[in-house]
């Protein structure tokens, strides 16, 4: 599946075909992406999230829908991945039609976050994270996840962790 970046999006935004703009991920990255897209004067129609405790609620005033609800949307969709579970989301999105999928790497790099409120509003639903956002750390982690997803192929084995056990001494009885 081909991920588009912000430069590709600038061409799509000029299109006259009505599209729904959806952020896939209603968490810290979703808040950052919403802020960034608002700076570009782009309205977001929905958040989509696999967390059932978030579905059917509002996140920053925007309805959070399930993946099943996303499938039911008949119009064309611009979907921005605003979640670190990139491979899983891409796998889900491969099942739906009429979509263009964007990563938010260039979007984040072009956004000035100096006026961004790093604290969650106190009136938000407890289903959503109320942690202070370290913008640089969150964006850097997201960029690594996107890079891994882009470089992933069937021929490669990508290990995120490896455990090595070291014994105290060897008996040399392994013949």
N, C-alpha and C. Protein backbone atom coordinates (compact mmCIF):
# COMPACT_ATOMS: atom_id res chain seq x y z
N UNK A 1 0.85 -1.17 0.00
CA UNK A 1 0.00 0.00 0.00
C UNK A 1 0.89 1.23 0.00
N UNK A 2 0.50 2.21 -0.74
CA UNK A 2 1.32 3.40 -0.93
C UNK A 2 0.86 4.52 -0.01
N UNK A 3 1.76 4.98 0.87
CA UNK A 3 1.47 6.11 1.75
C UNK A 3 1.83 7.41 1.04
N UNK A 4 0.98 8.38 1.12
CA UNK A 4 1.25 9.70 0.53
C UNK A 4 1.73 10.63 1.63
N UNK A 5 2.51 11.64 1.23
CA UNK A 5 2.96 12.61 2.21
C UNK A 5 2.28 13.95 1.96
N UNK A 6 2.68 14.95 2.70
CA UNK A 6 2.03 16.26 2.62
C UNK A 6 2.11 16.88 1.24
N UNK A 7 3.23 16.72 0.55
CA UNK A 7 3.35 17.29 -0.79
C UNK A 7 2.30 16.69 -1.73
N UNK A 8 2.05 15.40 -1.61
CA UNK A 8 1.00 14.76 -2.41
C UNK A 8 -0.36 15.33 -2.03
N UNK A 9 -0.55 15.58 -0.75
CA UNK A 9 -1.84 16.07 -0.27
C UNK A 9 -2.17 17.43 -0.86
N UNK A 10 -1.17 18.28 -1.02
CA UNK A 10 -1.41 19.62 -1.58
C UNK A 10 -2.07 19.53 -2.95
N UNK A 11 -1.73 18.51 -3.73
CA UNK A 11 -2.37 18.31 -5.04
C UNK A 11 -3.80 17.80 -4.89
N UNK A 12 -4.03 16.91 -3.91
CA UNK A 12 -5.36 16.36 -3.70
C UNK A 12 -6.33 17.41 -3.20
N UNK A 13 -5.85 18.33 -2.39
CA UNK A 13 -6.73 19.33 -1.80
C UNK A 13 -7.32 20.26 -2.85
N UNK A 14 -6.65 20.40 -3.99
CA UNK A 14 -7.14 21.24 -5.08
C UNK A 14 -8.28 20.58 -5.85
N UNK A 15 -8.45 19.29 -5.67
CA UNK A 15 -9.47 18.54 -6.39
C UNK A 15 -10.87 19.01 -5.99
N UNK A 16 -11.79 18.97 -6.95
CA UNK A 16 -13.17 19.37 -6.68
C UNK A 16 -14.03 18.22 -6.16
N UNK A 17 -13.49 17.02 -6.15
CA UNK A 17 -14.25 15.86 -5.69
C UNK A 17 -14.40 15.93 -4.17
N UNK A 18 -15.64 15.92 -3.67
CA UNK A 18 -15.83 15.98 -2.21
C UNK A 18 -15.27 14.73 -1.55
N UNK A 19 -14.55 14.95 -0.47
CA UNK A 19 -13.92 13.85 0.26
C UNK A 19 -14.12 14.07 1.75
N UNK A 20 -14.15 12.99 2.48
CA UNK A 20 -14.16 13.05 3.94
C UNK A 20 -12.71 12.99 4.40
N UNK A 21 -12.35 13.86 5.32
CA UNK A 21 -11.01 13.88 5.89
C UNK A 21 -11.07 13.23 7.27
N UNK A 22 -10.27 12.19 7.43
CA UNK A 22 -10.35 11.36 8.63
C UNK A 22 -8.96 11.18 9.23
N UNK A 23 -8.87 11.37 10.53
CA UNK A 23 -7.64 11.07 11.26
C UNK A 23 -7.79 9.71 11.91
N UNK A 24 -6.91 8.77 11.58
CA UNK A 24 -6.99 7.42 12.15
C UNK A 24 -6.09 7.39 13.38
N UNK A 25 -6.70 7.61 14.53
CA UNK A 25 -6.00 7.63 15.80
C UNK A 25 -6.44 8.83 16.61
N UNK A 26 -7.14 8.58 17.71
CA UNK A 26 -7.65 9.66 18.55
C UNK A 26 -6.88 9.69 19.86
N UNK A 27 -5.60 10.03 19.74
CA UNK A 27 -4.73 10.13 20.91
C UNK A 27 -3.81 11.32 20.75
N UNK A 28 -2.61 11.20 21.32
CA UNK A 28 -1.66 12.31 21.25
C UNK A 28 -1.32 12.70 19.82
N UNK A 29 -1.04 11.71 18.98
CA UNK A 29 -0.72 12.01 17.57
C UNK A 29 -1.94 12.58 16.85
N UNK A 30 -3.12 12.13 17.20
CA UNK A 30 -4.33 12.68 16.62
C UNK A 30 -4.50 14.15 16.96
N UNK A 31 -4.20 14.49 18.21
CA UNK A 31 -4.29 15.89 18.62
C UNK A 31 -3.27 16.74 17.86
N UNK A 32 -2.04 16.22 17.71
CA UNK A 32 -1.02 16.94 16.96
C UNK A 32 -1.41 17.11 15.50
N UNK A 33 -1.93 16.04 14.89
CA UNK A 33 -2.34 16.09 13.48
C UNK A 33 -3.51 17.06 13.30
N UNK A 34 -4.46 17.03 14.22
CA UNK A 34 -5.60 17.96 14.14
C UNK A 34 -5.10 19.40 14.20
N UNK A 35 -4.21 19.69 15.12
CA UNK A 35 -3.64 21.04 15.23
C UNK A 35 -2.94 21.43 13.92
N UNK A 36 -2.14 20.52 13.39
CA UNK A 36 -1.37 20.80 12.16
C UNK A 36 -2.30 21.04 10.98
N UNK A 37 -3.32 20.21 10.84
CA UNK A 37 -4.24 20.35 9.71
C UNK A 37 -5.10 21.61 9.84
N UNK A 38 -5.44 21.98 11.05
CA UNK A 38 -6.17 23.24 11.24
C UNK A 38 -5.30 24.42 10.81
N UNK A 39 -3.98 24.32 11.03
CA UNK A 39 -3.08 25.38 10.58
C UNK A 39 -3.10 25.49 9.06
N UNK A 40 -3.38 24.37 8.38
CA UNK A 40 -3.46 24.34 6.92
C UNK A 40 -4.89 24.63 6.44
N UNK A 41 -5.76 24.99 7.36
CA UNK A 41 -7.17 25.33 7.05
C UNK A 41 -7.94 24.14 6.48
N UNK A 42 -7.64 22.96 7.00
CA UNK A 42 -8.34 21.75 6.56
C UNK A 42 -9.22 21.24 7.69
N UNK A 43 -10.49 21.02 7.37
CA UNK A 43 -11.43 20.49 8.36
C UNK A 43 -11.34 18.98 8.41
N UNK A 44 -11.47 18.45 9.60
CA UNK A 44 -11.48 17.00 9.81
C UNK A 44 -12.92 16.60 10.10
N UNK A 45 -13.39 15.58 9.39
CA UNK A 45 -14.77 15.12 9.55
C UNK A 45 -14.92 14.12 10.69
N UNK A 46 -13.94 13.23 10.83
CA UNK A 46 -14.01 12.19 11.85
C UNK A 46 -12.61 11.83 12.33
N UNK A 47 -12.58 11.30 13.55
CA UNK A 47 -11.46 10.50 14.01
C UNK A 47 -11.93 9.06 13.88
N UNK A 48 -11.03 8.16 13.57
CA UNK A 48 -11.33 6.73 13.59
C UNK A 48 -10.36 6.12 14.58
N UNK A 49 -10.85 5.22 15.43
CA UNK A 49 -9.97 4.58 16.40
C UNK A 49 -10.47 3.18 16.69
N UNK A 50 -9.52 2.26 16.89
CA UNK A 50 -9.87 0.87 17.19
C UNK A 50 -10.21 0.67 18.66
N UNK A 51 -9.95 1.65 19.51
CA UNK A 51 -10.24 1.56 20.94
C UNK A 51 -11.73 1.77 21.15
N UNK A 52 -12.43 0.73 21.58
CA UNK A 52 -13.90 0.82 21.71
C UNK A 52 -14.33 1.81 22.79
N UNK A 53 -13.44 2.12 23.75
CA UNK A 53 -13.81 3.11 24.77
C UNK A 53 -13.86 4.53 24.21
N UNK A 54 -13.26 4.75 23.05
CA UNK A 54 -13.27 6.08 22.42
C UNK A 54 -14.37 6.23 21.38
N UNK A 55 -14.81 5.12 20.82
CA UNK A 55 -15.79 5.15 19.73
C UNK A 55 -17.14 5.69 20.22
N UNK A 56 -17.76 6.51 19.36
CA UNK A 56 -19.05 7.09 19.69
C UNK A 56 -18.95 8.34 20.55
N UNK A 57 -17.74 8.71 20.91
CA UNK A 57 -17.52 9.92 21.72
C UNK A 57 -16.92 11.00 20.85
N UNK A 58 -16.71 12.16 21.44
CA UNK A 58 -16.08 13.27 20.71
C UNK A 58 -14.70 13.51 21.28
N UNK A 59 -13.74 13.72 20.37
CA UNK A 59 -12.37 14.04 20.73
C UNK A 59 -12.06 15.40 20.10
N UNK A 60 -11.88 16.39 20.94
CA UNK A 60 -11.69 17.78 20.49
C UNK A 60 -12.83 18.23 19.58
N UNK A 61 -14.04 17.81 19.96
CA UNK A 61 -15.24 18.25 19.24
C UNK A 61 -15.55 17.47 17.98
N UNK A 62 -14.79 16.42 17.69
CA UNK A 62 -14.98 15.65 16.46
C UNK A 62 -15.34 14.21 16.84
N UNK A 63 -16.35 13.68 16.16
CA UNK A 63 -16.84 12.33 16.45
C UNK A 63 -15.77 11.28 16.17
N UNK A 64 -15.66 10.31 17.10
CA UNK A 64 -14.75 9.18 16.93
C UNK A 64 -15.57 7.98 16.46
N UNK A 65 -15.20 7.45 15.30
CA UNK A 65 -15.93 6.32 14.72
C UNK A 65 -15.07 5.06 14.77
N UNK A 66 -15.72 3.93 14.60
CA UNK A 66 -15.02 2.65 14.55
C UNK A 66 -14.56 2.38 13.11
N UNK A 67 -13.71 1.37 12.95
CA UNK A 67 -13.29 0.99 11.61
C UNK A 67 -14.48 0.52 10.79
N UNK A 68 -15.43 -0.17 11.42
CA UNK A 68 -16.63 -0.63 10.73
C UNK A 68 -17.44 0.56 10.20
N UNK A 69 -17.51 1.63 10.99
CA UNK A 69 -18.20 2.85 10.53
C UNK A 69 -17.44 3.50 9.38
N UNK A 70 -16.12 3.44 9.43
CA UNK A 70 -15.30 4.00 8.35
C UNK A 70 -15.59 3.28 7.04
N UNK A 71 -15.73 1.98 7.09
CA UNK A 71 -16.04 1.18 5.90
C UNK A 71 -17.37 1.63 5.27
N UNK A 72 -18.33 2.01 6.12
CA UNK A 72 -19.66 2.39 5.65
C UNK A 72 -19.71 3.75 4.97
N UNK A 73 -18.67 4.56 5.12
CA UNK A 73 -18.67 5.89 4.48
C UNK A 73 -18.51 5.68 2.98
N UNK A 74 -19.49 6.14 2.23
CA UNK A 74 -19.52 5.90 0.78
C UNK A 74 -18.65 6.85 -0.02
N UNK A 75 -18.44 8.06 0.48
CA UNK A 75 -17.66 9.04 -0.30
C UNK A 75 -16.17 8.72 -0.25
N UNK A 76 -15.41 9.39 -1.10
CA UNK A 76 -13.96 9.22 -1.11
C UNK A 76 -13.41 9.72 0.22
N UNK A 77 -12.28 9.13 0.63
CA UNK A 77 -11.74 9.44 1.95
C UNK A 77 -10.25 9.79 1.87
N UNK A 78 -9.87 10.88 2.53
CA UNK A 78 -8.47 11.17 2.81
C UNK A 78 -8.24 10.71 4.24
N UNK A 79 -7.39 9.72 4.41
CA UNK A 79 -7.15 9.17 5.74
C UNK A 79 -5.72 9.48 6.15
N UNK A 80 -5.59 10.16 7.28
CA UNK A 80 -4.30 10.51 7.82
C UNK A 80 -4.00 9.58 8.99
N UNK A 81 -2.90 8.85 8.91
CA UNK A 81 -2.54 7.95 10.01
C UNK A 81 -1.93 8.77 11.12
N UNK A 82 -2.64 8.85 12.23
CA UNK A 82 -2.19 9.62 13.39
C UNK A 82 -2.10 8.67 14.59
N UNK A 83 -1.35 7.60 14.40
CA UNK A 83 -1.23 6.55 15.39
C UNK A 83 0.08 5.83 15.13
N UNK A 84 0.70 5.26 16.18
CA UNK A 84 1.98 4.57 15.99
C UNK A 84 1.81 3.14 15.46
N UNK A 85 0.60 2.62 15.45
CA UNK A 85 0.37 1.26 14.98
C UNK A 85 0.15 1.27 13.46
N UNK A 86 1.14 1.76 12.75
CA UNK A 86 1.04 2.02 11.32
C UNK A 86 0.78 0.75 10.52
N UNK A 87 1.57 -0.31 10.76
CA UNK A 87 1.40 -1.54 9.98
C UNK A 87 0.01 -2.13 10.15
N UNK A 88 -0.49 -2.14 11.39
CA UNK A 88 -1.81 -2.70 11.66
C UNK A 88 -2.90 -1.87 10.96
N UNK A 89 -2.76 -0.56 11.01
CA UNK A 89 -3.75 0.32 10.37
C UNK A 89 -3.71 0.15 8.86
N UNK A 90 -2.51 0.07 8.28
CA UNK A 90 -2.40 -0.13 6.83
C UNK A 90 -3.05 -1.45 6.43
N UNK A 91 -2.88 -2.47 7.25
CA UNK A 91 -3.51 -3.76 6.97
C UNK A 91 -5.04 -3.62 6.97
N UNK A 92 -5.58 -2.92 7.93
CA UNK A 92 -7.02 -2.68 7.97
C UNK A 92 -7.49 -1.88 6.76
N UNK A 93 -6.75 -0.81 6.45
CA UNK A 93 -7.18 0.08 5.37
C UNK A 93 -7.10 -0.57 4.00
N UNK A 94 -6.33 -1.63 3.86
CA UNK A 94 -6.25 -2.33 2.58
C UNK A 94 -7.60 -2.95 2.21
N UNK A 95 -8.50 -3.06 3.17
CA UNK A 95 -9.80 -3.70 2.95
C UNK A 95 -10.87 -2.74 2.45
N UNK A 96 -10.57 -1.43 2.38
CA UNK A 96 -11.60 -0.48 1.95
C UNK A 96 -11.20 0.22 0.66
N UNK A 97 -12.23 0.70 -0.04
CA UNK A 97 -12.04 1.38 -1.33
C UNK A 97 -12.15 2.89 -1.17
N UNK A 98 -11.91 3.58 -2.28
CA UNK A 98 -12.09 5.04 -2.35
C UNK A 98 -11.36 5.78 -1.24
N UNK A 99 -10.08 5.47 -1.09
CA UNK A 99 -9.31 6.12 -0.05
C UNK A 99 -7.95 6.53 -0.57
N UNK A 100 -7.42 7.57 0.04
CA UNK A 100 -6.03 7.96 -0.15
C UNK A 100 -5.47 8.06 1.26
N UNK A 101 -4.35 7.39 1.49
CA UNK A 101 -3.78 7.33 2.82
C UNK A 101 -2.55 8.23 2.90
N UNK A 102 -2.50 9.03 3.95
CA UNK A 102 -1.40 9.96 4.14
C UNK A 102 -0.70 9.69 5.46
N UNK A 103 0.62 9.84 5.46
CA UNK A 103 1.32 9.89 6.74
C UNK A 103 1.40 11.36 7.13
N UNK A 104 1.75 11.62 8.36
CA UNK A 104 1.77 13.00 8.86
C UNK A 104 3.19 13.51 9.08
N UNK A 105 4.21 12.82 8.57
CA UNK A 105 5.60 13.21 8.83
C UNK A 105 5.88 14.62 8.31
N UNK A 106 5.66 14.88 7.03
CA UNK A 106 5.90 16.22 6.48
C UNK A 106 5.00 17.26 7.13
N UNK A 107 3.78 16.88 7.41
CA UNK A 107 2.84 17.78 8.07
C UNK A 107 3.41 18.25 9.40
N UNK A 108 3.91 17.31 10.21
CA UNK A 108 4.49 17.66 11.51
C UNK A 108 5.75 18.50 11.35
N UNK A 109 6.56 18.16 10.35
CA UNK A 109 7.80 18.91 10.15
C UNK A 109 7.55 20.35 9.72
N UNK A 110 6.45 20.58 9.02
CA UNK A 110 6.12 21.94 8.55
C UNK A 110 5.31 22.75 9.56
N UNK A 111 4.91 22.14 10.65
CA UNK A 111 4.06 22.82 11.63
C UNK A 111 4.91 23.43 12.74
N UNK A 112 4.59 24.67 13.07
CA UNK A 112 5.21 25.34 14.20
C UNK A 112 4.33 25.06 15.42
N UNK A 113 4.84 24.29 16.37
CA UNK A 113 4.06 23.88 17.54
C UNK A 113 4.26 24.81 18.73
N UNK A 114 4.86 25.99 18.52
CA UNK A 114 5.15 26.84 19.68
C UNK A 114 3.88 27.33 20.38
N UNK A 115 2.75 27.44 19.68
CA UNK A 115 1.49 27.84 20.30
C UNK A 115 0.58 26.66 20.63
N UNK A 116 1.10 25.46 20.47
CA UNK A 116 0.32 24.25 20.73
C UNK A 116 0.20 24.03 22.24
N UNK A 117 -1.01 23.77 22.72
CA UNK A 117 -1.24 23.50 24.13
C UNK A 117 -0.89 22.04 24.39
N UNK A 118 0.19 21.81 25.11
CA UNK A 118 0.68 20.44 25.34
C UNK A 118 -0.14 19.69 26.39
N UNK A 119 -1.02 20.36 27.09
CA UNK A 119 -1.84 19.71 28.11
C UNK A 119 -3.22 19.40 27.56
N UNK A 120 -3.75 18.27 27.95
CA UNK A 120 -5.10 17.90 27.55
C UNK A 120 -6.09 18.76 28.33
N UNK A 121 -7.19 19.11 27.71
CA UNK A 121 -8.22 19.85 28.40
C UNK A 121 -8.83 18.98 29.49
N UNK A 122 -9.18 19.62 30.60
CA UNK A 122 -9.68 18.87 31.75
C UNK A 122 -11.09 18.33 31.53
N UNK A 123 -11.84 18.88 30.60
CA UNK A 123 -13.23 18.45 30.39
C UNK A 123 -13.36 17.25 29.47
N UNK A 124 -12.26 16.72 28.98
CA UNK A 124 -12.35 15.60 28.05
C UNK A 124 -12.70 14.31 28.75
N UNK A 125 -13.27 13.41 28.00
CA UNK A 125 -13.67 12.11 28.48
C UNK A 125 -12.47 11.34 29.03
N UNK A 126 -12.64 10.60 30.12
CA UNK A 126 -11.53 9.82 30.69
C UNK A 126 -11.00 8.72 29.75
N UNK A 127 -11.75 8.38 28.72
CA UNK A 127 -11.27 7.37 27.77
C UNK A 127 -10.05 7.86 27.01
N UNK A 128 -9.88 9.17 26.96
CA UNK A 128 -8.76 9.76 26.24
C UNK A 128 -7.64 10.08 27.20
N UNK A 129 -6.43 9.99 26.69
CA UNK A 129 -5.23 10.21 27.47
C UNK A 129 -5.16 11.65 27.99
N UNK A 130 -4.83 11.82 29.25
CA UNK A 130 -4.73 13.16 29.83
C UNK A 130 -3.29 13.53 30.15
N UNK A 131 -2.33 12.92 29.49
CA UNK A 131 -0.92 13.21 29.75
C UNK A 131 -0.49 14.48 29.01
N UNK A 132 0.54 15.10 29.55
CA UNK A 132 1.17 16.22 28.85
C UNK A 132 1.92 15.65 27.66
N UNK A 133 1.82 16.31 26.53
CA UNK A 133 2.45 15.81 25.30
C UNK A 133 3.83 16.43 25.13
N UNK A 134 4.84 15.56 25.00
CA UNK A 134 6.18 15.99 24.63
C UNK A 134 6.24 15.91 23.11
N UNK A 135 5.97 17.03 22.45
CA UNK A 135 5.77 17.05 21.00
C UNK A 135 6.95 16.43 20.26
N UNK A 136 8.16 16.84 20.59
CA UNK A 136 9.34 16.34 19.87
C UNK A 136 9.48 14.82 20.01
N UNK A 137 9.29 14.30 21.22
CA UNK A 137 9.42 12.85 21.44
C UNK A 137 8.33 12.08 20.69
N UNK A 138 7.11 12.57 20.75
CA UNK A 138 5.99 11.89 20.09
C UNK A 138 6.19 11.89 18.57
N UNK A 139 6.57 13.04 18.02
CA UNK A 139 6.77 13.14 16.57
C UNK A 139 7.95 12.28 16.11
N UNK A 140 9.05 12.27 16.86
CA UNK A 140 10.20 11.44 16.50
C UNK A 140 9.85 9.96 16.51
N UNK A 141 9.09 9.52 17.51
CA UNK A 141 8.65 8.12 17.57
C UNK A 141 7.76 7.77 16.38
N UNK A 142 6.87 8.68 16.02
CA UNK A 142 5.98 8.48 14.87
C UNK A 142 6.79 8.37 13.58
N UNK A 143 7.77 9.25 13.40
CA UNK A 143 8.60 9.21 12.20
C UNK A 143 9.32 7.87 12.06
N UNK A 144 9.80 7.33 13.17
CA UNK A 144 10.47 6.01 13.13
C UNK A 144 9.49 4.92 12.72
N UNK A 145 8.27 4.96 13.25
CA UNK A 145 7.26 3.96 12.90
C UNK A 145 6.88 4.05 11.42
N UNK A 146 6.75 5.25 10.90
CA UNK A 146 6.42 5.42 9.47
C UNK A 146 7.58 4.90 8.63
N UNK A 147 8.80 5.22 9.00
CA UNK A 147 9.97 4.76 8.24
C UNK A 147 10.02 3.24 8.22
N UNK A 148 9.74 2.61 9.34
CA UNK A 148 9.71 1.15 9.40
C UNK A 148 8.63 0.59 8.49
N UNK A 149 7.45 1.20 8.50
CA UNK A 149 6.34 0.73 7.66
C UNK A 149 6.66 0.89 6.19
N UNK A 150 7.30 1.98 5.83
CA UNK A 150 7.65 2.21 4.42
C UNK A 150 8.71 1.22 3.95
N UNK A 151 9.67 0.92 4.82
CA UNK A 151 10.77 0.03 4.45
C UNK A 151 10.42 -1.44 4.60
N UNK A 152 9.28 -1.74 5.19
CA UNK A 152 8.88 -3.12 5.42
C UNK A 152 8.56 -3.83 4.11
N UNK A 153 9.02 -5.03 4.00
CA UNK A 153 8.64 -5.87 2.85
C UNK A 153 8.66 -7.32 3.31
N UNK A 154 8.13 -8.20 2.48
CA UNK A 154 8.06 -9.62 2.82
C UNK A 154 9.43 -10.25 3.00
N UNK A 155 10.44 -9.70 2.33
CA UNK A 155 11.78 -10.29 2.38
C UNK A 155 12.56 -9.89 3.62
N UNK A 156 12.09 -8.90 4.34
CA UNK A 156 12.83 -8.40 5.49
C UNK A 156 12.22 -8.91 6.78
N UNK A 157 13.08 -9.15 7.74
CA UNK A 157 12.64 -9.46 9.09
C UNK A 157 13.02 -8.26 9.94
N UNK A 158 12.03 -7.63 10.53
CA UNK A 158 12.27 -6.45 11.35
C UNK A 158 11.98 -6.82 12.80
N UNK A 159 13.00 -6.71 13.63
CA UNK A 159 12.86 -7.00 15.05
C UNK A 159 12.88 -5.70 15.83
N UNK A 160 11.87 -5.52 16.64
CA UNK A 160 11.87 -4.32 17.46
C UNK A 160 12.60 -4.57 18.78
N UNK A 161 12.66 -5.83 19.21
CA UNK A 161 13.35 -6.19 20.45
C UNK A 161 13.98 -7.57 20.27
N UNK A 162 15.05 -7.82 20.98
CA UNK A 162 15.65 -9.14 21.01
C UNK A 162 16.11 -9.42 22.44
N UNK A 163 15.81 -10.61 22.92
CA UNK A 163 16.24 -11.01 24.26
C UNK A 163 17.39 -11.98 24.13
N UNK A 164 18.44 -11.74 24.88
CA UNK A 164 19.61 -12.61 24.87
C UNK A 164 19.80 -13.12 26.29
N UNK A 165 19.92 -14.44 26.42
CA UNK A 165 20.16 -15.05 27.73
C UNK A 165 21.63 -15.44 27.83
N UNK A 166 22.26 -15.00 28.88
CA UNK A 166 23.66 -15.33 29.10
C UNK A 166 23.73 -16.20 30.35
N UNK A 167 24.37 -17.37 30.21
CA UNK A 167 24.51 -18.25 31.36
C UNK A 167 25.81 -17.95 32.09
N UNK A 168 25.87 -18.41 33.34
CA UNK A 168 27.04 -18.13 34.14
C UNK A 168 28.27 -18.85 33.62
N UNK A 169 28.13 -20.13 33.35
CA UNK A 169 29.27 -20.87 32.80
C UNK A 169 28.76 -21.99 31.90
N UNK A 170 29.60 -22.41 31.01
CA UNK A 170 29.25 -23.43 30.03
C UNK A 170 29.88 -24.76 30.46
N UNK A 171 29.11 -25.84 30.30
CA UNK A 171 29.61 -27.16 30.66
C UNK A 171 30.34 -27.83 29.51
N UNK A 172 30.20 -27.25 28.28
CA UNK A 172 30.82 -27.81 27.09
C UNK A 172 30.30 -29.23 26.78
N UNK A 173 29.13 -29.59 27.24
CA UNK A 173 28.53 -30.92 27.01
C UNK A 173 27.50 -30.87 25.88
N UNK A 174 27.75 -30.04 24.89
CA UNK A 174 26.76 -29.86 23.83
C UNK A 174 27.07 -30.71 22.60
N UNK A 175 27.88 -31.70 22.70
CA UNK A 175 28.26 -32.52 21.56
C UNK A 175 27.14 -33.31 21.04
